[in-house]
Amino acid sequence: MAMEYRHKALADIPRAQQAVFQHALDTYVSECNKIISIWLAFSPDDIEFKPHPKSSTVLEIMKHELLSGRRFFGEFLGAPEPPASEVLPRENTPDAFAGRMKVLAQARLPFLASRTEPWWLERVKFFDVERERIWIFWRRVLHTAHHRTQLAVYLRLLNKPVPSVYGPTADVTWQGADPTRSVDAAGRK
């Protein structure tokens, strides 16, 4: 049995105008599917959970992810984005946030697919510095991965199963899963 994601919210990935940038679209879709899987592992009762007084709640992290995504794609990358006031879902539930993430990501894909090398490599304002758009895009993916991992820890602290997003977890495995946890495993070619 091969690895199968429990939630595959986004499946239709447009073809990049320039094939060299297809990996960016593929990775963005993959990361969105992973964060949606993590979000859907929470129940509505978990939304106010935070493991420490200085930590953010599950809800605050979900809000931040949607709002900061809108800022990255709209302000820094110039993608058409809804007004900030229309980004958050009407309900503060994991299902509603996952649905919003899917809708926002689906709308970004055609725009990203249509971009060409000069656009990706152009330096633009990023907070108080300038960076190439490709750098800003990858920074966004890493930002999302950071918050996805943060929430995976929250799931573990809540004693909830952690979905598989890269490979087997303590909760999800399959025949043929081969995590690299030893020098011998790392040395295979």
C-alpha atoms as a PDB file:
ATOM      1  CA  MET A   1       0.000   0.000   0.000  1.00  0.00           C
ATOM      2  CA  ALA A   2       1.319   3.442  -0.900  1.00  0.00           C
ATOM      3  CA  MET A   3       0.945   6.599   1.136  1.00  0.00           C
ATOM      4  CA  GLU A   4      -2.496   8.134   0.713  1.00  0.00           C
ATOM      5  CA  TYR A   5      -3.397  11.477   2.223  1.00  0.00           C
ATOM      6  CA  ARG A   6      -6.644  11.393   4.155  1.00  0.00           C
ATOM      7  CA  HIS A   7      -7.689  14.768   2.763  1.00  0.00           C
ATOM      8  CA  LYS A   8      -6.777  15.774  -0.761  1.00  0.00           C
ATOM      9  CA  ALA A   9      -8.631  19.051  -0.990  1.00  0.00           C
ATOM     10  CA  LEU A  10      -6.753  20.319  -4.030  1.00  0.00           C
ATOM     11  CA  ALA A  11      -6.136  17.932  -6.886  1.00  0.00           C
ATOM     12  CA  ASP A  12      -6.302  19.866 -10.157  1.00  0.00           C
ATOM     13  CA  ILE A  13      -2.953  21.554 -10.588  1.00  0.00           C
ATOM     14  CA  PRO A  14      -2.709  23.829 -13.628  1.00  0.00           C
ATOM     15  CA  ARG A  15       0.334  23.540 -15.885  1.00  0.00           C
ATOM     16  CA  ALA A  16       2.859  26.328 -15.454  1.00  0.00           C
ATOM     17  CA  GLN A  17       3.393  28.495 -18.521  1.00  0.00           C
ATOM     18  CA  GLN A  18       7.080  27.651 -18.147  1.00  0.00           C
ATOM     19  CA  ALA A  19       7.751  24.061 -17.079  1.00  0.00           C
ATOM     20  CA  VAL A  20      10.679  25.072 -14.877  1.00  0.00           C
ATOM     21  CA  PHE A  21       8.147  26.601 -12.436  1.00  0.00           C
ATOM     22  CA  GLN A  22       5.786  23.592 -12.277  1.00  0.00           C
ATOM     23  CA  HIS A  23       7.461  22.445  -9.076  1.00  0.00           C
ATOM     24  CA  ALA A  24       6.309  25.647  -7.370  1.00  0.00           C
ATOM     25  CA  LEU A  25       2.654  24.931  -8.166  1.00  0.00           C
ATOM     26  CA  ASP A  26       2.976  21.254  -7.266  1.00  0.00           C
ATOM     27  CA  THR A  27       4.601  22.094  -3.939  1.00  0.00           C
ATOM     28  CA  TYR A  28       2.074  24.808  -3.116  1.00  0.00           C
ATOM     29  CA  VAL A  29      -0.819  22.397  -3.695  1.00  0.00           C
ATOM     30  CA  SER A  30       0.919  19.714  -1.643  1.00  0.00           C
ATOM     31  CA  GLU A  31       1.518  22.097   1.242  1.00  0.00           C
ATOM     32  CA  CYS A  32      -2.082  23.333   1.166  1.00  0.00           C
ATOM     33  CA  ASN A  33      -3.350  19.740   1.253  1.00  0.00           C
ATOM     34  CA  LYS A  34      -1.061  19.027   4.209  1.00  0.00           C
ATOM     35  CA  ILE A  35      -2.191  22.006   6.257  1.00  0.00           C
ATOM     36  CA  ILE A  36      -5.838  21.241   5.464  1.00  0.00           C
ATOM     37  CA  SER A  37      -5.276  17.660   6.700  1.00  0.00           C
ATOM     38  CA  ILE A  38      -3.818  18.984   9.945  1.00  0.00           C
ATOM     39  CA  TRP A  39      -6.617  21.524  10.421  1.00  0.00           C
ATOM     40  CA  LEU A  40      -9.289  18.882   9.864  1.00  0.00           C
ATOM     41  CA  ALA A  41      -7.750  16.719  12.616  1.00  0.00           C
ATOM     42  CA  PHE A  42      -8.971  19.276  15.171  1.00  0.00           C
ATOM     43  CA  SER A  43     -12.526  19.309  16.487  1.00  0.00           C
ATOM     44  CA  PRO A  44     -14.480  22.519  17.065  1.00  0.00           C
ATOM     45  CA  ASP A  45     -13.874  21.990  20.795  1.00  0.00           C
ATOM     46  CA  ASP A  46     -10.104  22.249  20.233  1.00  0.00           C
ATOM     47  CA  ILE A  47     -10.187  25.677  18.583  1.00  0.00           C
ATOM     48  CA  GLU A  48      -9.232  27.626  21.740  1.00  0.00           C
ATOM     49  CA  PHE A  49      -6.473  25.207  22.794  1.00  0.00           C
ATOM     50  CA  LYS A  50      -2.988  26.542  23.387  1.00  0.00           C
ATOM     51  CA  PRO A  51      -0.250  24.616  25.176  1.00  0.00           C
ATOM     52  CA  HIS A  52       1.219  27.598  27.032  1.00  0.00           C
ATOM     53  CA  PRO A  53       0.031  31.086  28.027  1.00  0.00           C
ATOM     54  CA  LYS A  54       2.499  32.620  25.540  1.00  0.00           C
ATOM     55  CA  SER A  55       1.355  30.336  22.708  1.00  0.00           C
ATOM     56  CA  SER A  56      -1.283  31.128  20.124  1.00  0.00           C
ATOM     57  CA  THR A  57      -4.550  29.213  20.089  1.00  0.00           C
ATOM     58  CA  VAL A  58      -5.441  26.862  17.246  1.00  0.00           C
ATOM     59  CA  LEU A  59      -7.915  29.515  16.059  1.00  0.00           C
ATOM     60  CA  GLU A  60      -5.314  32.285  16.151  1.00  0.00           C
ATOM     61  CA  ILE A  61      -2.900  30.208  14.081  1.00  0.00           C
ATOM     62  CA  MET A  62      -5.570  29.371  11.500  1.00  0.00           C
ATOM     63  CA  LYS A  63      -6.580  33.038  11.251  1.00  0.00           C
ATOM     64  CA  HIS A  64      -2.949  34.087  10.935  1.00  0.00           C
ATOM     65  CA  GLU A  65      -2.295  31.534   8.200  1.00  0.00           C
ATOM     66  CA  LEU A  66      -5.198  32.753   6.050  1.00  0.00           C
ATOM     67  CA  LEU A  67      -4.563  36.457   6.644  1.00  0.00           C
ATOM     68  CA  SER A  68      -0.796  36.311   6.208  1.00  0.00           C
ATOM     69  CA  GLY A  69      -1.269  34.187   3.073  1.00  0.00           C
ATOM     70  CA  ARG A  70      -3.476  36.919   1.652  1.00  0.00           C
ATOM     71  CA  ARG A  71      -0.780  39.485   2.440  1.00  0.00           C
ATOM     72  CA  PHE A  72       2.052  37.437   0.915  1.00  0.00           C
ATOM     73  CA  PHE A  73       0.168  36.672  -2.283  1.00  0.00           C
ATOM     74  CA  GLY A  74      -1.575  40.039  -2.632  1.00  0.00           C
ATOM     75  CA  GLU A  75       0.865  42.624  -1.356  1.00  0.00           C
ATOM     76  CA  PHE A  76       4.208  40.962  -2.075  1.00  0.00           C
ATOM     77  CA  LEU A  77       3.461  38.814  -5.137  1.00  0.00           C
ATOM     78  CA  GLY A  78       0.748  40.968  -6.691  1.00  0.00           C
ATOM     79  CA  ALA A  79      -1.795  38.172  -7.028  1.00  0.00           C
ATOM     80  CA  PRO A  80      -5.483  39.085  -7.151  1.00  0.00           C
ATOM     81  CA  GLU A  81      -6.759  38.515  -3.630  1.00  0.00           C
ATOM     82  CA  PRO A  82     -10.047  39.246  -1.889  1.00  0.00           C
ATOM     83  CA  PRO A  83     -10.159  42.179   0.517  1.00  0.00           C
ATOM     84  CA  ALA A  84      -8.699  41.246   3.904  1.00  0.00           C
ATOM     85  CA  SER A  85     -12.166  41.660   5.422  1.00  0.00           C
ATOM     86  CA  GLU A  86     -13.402  38.753   3.251  1.00  0.00           C
ATOM     87  CA  VAL A  87     -10.605  36.268   3.927  1.00  0.00           C
ATOM     88  CA  LEU A  88     -11.761  34.615   7.150  1.00  0.00           C
ATOM     89  CA  PRO A  89     -14.665  32.149   7.211  1.00  0.00           C
ATOM     90  CA  ARG A  90     -17.936  33.048   8.874  1.00  0.00           C
ATOM     91  CA  GLU A  91     -17.606  30.218  11.394  1.00  0.00           C
ATOM     92  CA  ASN A  92     -14.644  29.566  13.651  1.00  0.00           C
ATOM     93  CA  THR A  93     -14.455  25.837  12.995  1.00  0.00           C
ATOM     94  CA  PRO A  94     -11.673  23.717  11.548  1.00  0.00           C
ATOM     95  CA  ASP A  95     -13.953  22.699   8.663  1.00  0.00           C
ATOM     96  CA  ALA A  96     -14.707  26.326   7.802  1.00  0.00           C
ATOM     97  CA  PHE A  97     -11.026  27.302   7.902  1.00  0.00           C
ATOM     98  CA  ALA A  98     -10.030  24.305   5.782  1.00  0.00           C
ATOM     99  CA  GLY A  99     -12.718  25.234   3.255  1.00  0.00           C
ATOM    100  CA  ARG A 100     -11.459  28.805   3.088  1.00  0.00           C
ATOM    101  CA  MET A 101      -7.868  27.639   2.599  1.00  0.00           C
ATOM    102  CA  LYS A 102      -9.015  25.486  -0.309  1.00  0.00           C
ATOM    103  CA  VAL A 103     -10.957  28.308  -1.988  1.00  0.00           C
ATOM    104  CA  LEU A 104      -8.129  30.830  -1.582  1.00  0.00           C
ATOM    105  CA  ALA A 105      -5.485  28.390  -2.858  1.00  0.00           C
ATOM    106  CA  GLN A 106      -7.581  27.347  -5.869  1.00  0.00           C
ATOM    107  CA  ALA A 107      -7.956  30.999  -6.862  1.00  0.00           C
ATOM    108  CA  ARG A 108      -4.177  31.569  -6.673  1.00  0.00           C
ATOM    109  CA  LEU A 109      -3.179  28.642  -8.873  1.00  0.00           C
ATOM    110  CA  PRO A 110      -4.119  30.041 -12.319  1.00  0.00           C
ATOM    111  CA  PHE A 111      -2.328  33.280 -11.503  1.00  0.00           C
ATOM    112  CA  LEU A 112       0.848  31.466 -10.439  1.00  0.00           C
ATOM    113  CA  ALA A 113       0.663  29.145 -13.465  1.00  0.00           C
ATOM    114  CA  SER A 114       0.574  32.107 -15.843  1.00  0.00           C
ATOM    115  CA  ARG A 115       3.743  33.736 -14.501  1.00  0.00           C
ATOM    116  CA  THR A 116       6.980  33.612 -16.497  1.00  0.00           C
ATOM    117  CA  GLU A 117      10.631  33.759 -15.543  1.00  0.00           C
ATOM    118  CA  PRO A 118      10.974  37.579 -15.605  1.00  0.00           C
ATOM    119  CA  TRP A 119       8.053  37.858 -13.177  1.00  0.00           C
ATOM    120  CA  TRP A 120       9.378  35.167 -10.796  1.00  0.00           C
ATOM    121  CA  LEU A 121      12.861  36.719 -10.781  1.00  0.00           C
ATOM    122  CA  GLU A 122      11.816  40.361 -10.414  1.00  0.00           C
ATOM    123  CA  ARG A 123      12.832  41.944  -7.120  1.00  0.00           C
ATOM    124  CA  VAL A 124       9.912  43.518  -5.263  1.00  0.00           C
ATOM    125  CA  LYS A 125       9.280  45.013  -1.860  1.00  0.00           C
ATOM    126  CA  PHE A 126       9.045  42.447   0.934  1.00  0.00           C
ATOM    127  CA  PHE A 127       8.362  44.178   4.244  1.00  0.00           C
ATOM    128  CA  ASP A 128      11.356  46.543   4.521  1.00  0.00           C
ATOM    129  CA  VAL A 129      13.662  44.842   1.970  1.00  0.00           C
ATOM    130  CA  GLU A 130      13.534  43.699  -1.655  1.00  0.00           C
ATOM    131  CA  ARG A 131      13.520  40.045  -2.687  1.00  0.00           C
ATOM    132  CA  GLU A 132      12.855  38.062  -5.857  1.00  0.00           C
ATOM    133  CA  ARG A 133       9.278  36.868  -6.119  1.00  0.00           C
ATOM    134  CA  ILE A 134      10.454  33.236  -6.229  1.00  0.00           C
ATOM    135  CA  TRP A 135      12.192  33.803  -2.878  1.00  0.00           C
ATOM    136  CA  ILE A 136       9.008  35.340  -1.427  1.00  0.00           C
ATOM    137  CA  PHE A 137       6.946  32.418  -2.733  1.00  0.00           C
ATOM    138  CA  TRP A 138       9.235  29.844  -1.073  1.00  0.00           C
ATOM    139  CA  ARG A 139       9.265  31.896   2.110  1.00  0.00           C
ATOM    140  CA  ARG A 140       5.454  31.579   2.096  1.00  0.00           C
ATOM    141  CA  VAL A 141       5.631  27.811   1.684  1.00  0.00           C
ATOM    142  CA  LEU A 142       8.095  27.583   4.582  1.00  0.00           C
ATOM    143  CA  HIS A 143       5.887  29.849   6.702  1.00  0.00           C
ATOM    144  CA  THR A 144       2.935  27.534   6.117  1.00  0.00           C
ATOM    145  CA  ALA A 145       5.060  24.465   6.915  1.00  0.00           C
ATOM    146  CA  HIS A 146       6.119  26.096  10.182  1.00  0.00           C
ATOM    147  CA  HIS A 147       2.522  26.622  11.303  1.00  0.00           C
ATOM    148  CA  ARG A 148       1.484  23.168  10.078  1.00  0.00           C
ATOM    149  CA  THR A 149       4.191  21.615  12.219  1.00  0.00           C
ATOM    150  CA  GLN A 150       3.233  23.809  15.165  1.00  0.00           C
ATOM    151  CA  LEU A 151      -0.331  22.513  14.956  1.00  0.00           C
ATOM    152  CA  ALA A 152       0.857  18.912  14.565  1.00  0.00           C
ATOM    153  CA  VAL A 153       2.510  19.314  17.972  1.00  0.00           C
ATOM    154  CA  TYR A 154      -0.764  20.688  19.346  1.00  0.00           C
ATOM    155  CA  LEU A 155      -2.538  17.557  18.064  1.00  0.00           C
ATOM    156  CA  ARG A 156      -0.033  15.353  19.867  1.00  0.00           C
ATOM    157  CA  LEU A 157      -0.470  17.375  23.067  1.00  0.00           C
ATOM    158  CA  LEU A 158      -4.246  16.933  22.734  1.00  0.00           C
ATOM    159  CA  ASN A 159      -3.654  13.184  22.373  1.00  0.00           C
ATOM    160  CA  LYS A 160      -5.159  13.223  18.879  1.00  0.00           C
ATOM    161  CA  PRO A 161      -3.816  11.291  15.892  1.00  0.00           C
ATOM    162  CA  VAL A 162      -1.340  13.205  13.761  1.00  0.00           C
ATOM    163  CA  PRO A 163      -2.066  12.775  10.038  1.00  0.00           C
ATOM    164  CA  SER A 164       0.650  11.622   7.704  1.00  0.00           C
ATOM    165  CA  VAL A 165       1.932  14.501   5.614  1.00  0.00           C
ATOM    166  CA  TYR A 166       5.359  13.255   4.454  1.00  0.00           C
ATOM    167  CA  GLY A 167       5.439   9.647   5.477  1.00  0.00           C
ATOM    168  CA  PRO A 168       4.481   7.420   8.372  1.00  0.00           C
ATOM    169  CA  THR A 169       3.681   8.847  11.794  1.00  0.00           C
ATOM    170  CA  ALA A 170       3.167   7.140  15.114  1.00  0.00           C
ATOM    171  CA  ASP A 171      -0.519   7.074  14.136  1.00  0.00           C
ATOM    172  CA  VAL A 172      -0.424   6.351  10.392  1.00  0.00           C
ATOM    173  CA  THR A 173       1.739   3.786   8.656  1.00  0.00           C
ATOM    174  CA  TRP A 174       1.483   1.248   5.846  1.00  0.00           C
ATOM    175  CA  GLN A 175       3.256  -1.744   4.370  1.00  0.00           C
ATOM    176  CA  GLY A 176       6.521  -0.601   2.856  1.00  0.00           C
ATOM    177  CA  ALA A 177       6.786   2.576   4.939  1.00  0.00           C
ATOM    178  CA  ASP A 178      10.467   2.968   5.673  1.00  0.00           C
ATOM    179  CA  PRO A 179      11.343   5.905   7.927  1.00  0.00           C
ATOM    180  CA  THR A 180      15.018   6.748   8.080  1.00  0.00           C
ATOM    181  CA  ARG A 181      15.845   6.392  11.761  1.00  0.00           C
ATOM    182  CA  SER A 182      19.213   4.695  11.647  1.00  0.00           C
ATOM    183  CA  VAL A 183      22.641   5.179  10.165  1.00  0.00           C
ATOM    184  CA  ASP A 184      22.079   2.003   8.112  1.00  0.00           C
ATOM    185  CA  ALA A 185      18.815   3.348   6.666  1.00  0.00           C
ATOM    186  CA  ALA A 186      20.437   6.679   5.856  1.00  0.00           C
ATOM    187  CA  GLY A 187      23.319   4.901   4.116  1.00  0.00           C
ATOM    188  CA  ARG A 188      21.167   3.087   1.553  1.00  0.00           C
ATOM    189  CA  LYS A 189      21.582   4.045  -2.066  1.00  0.00           C
END
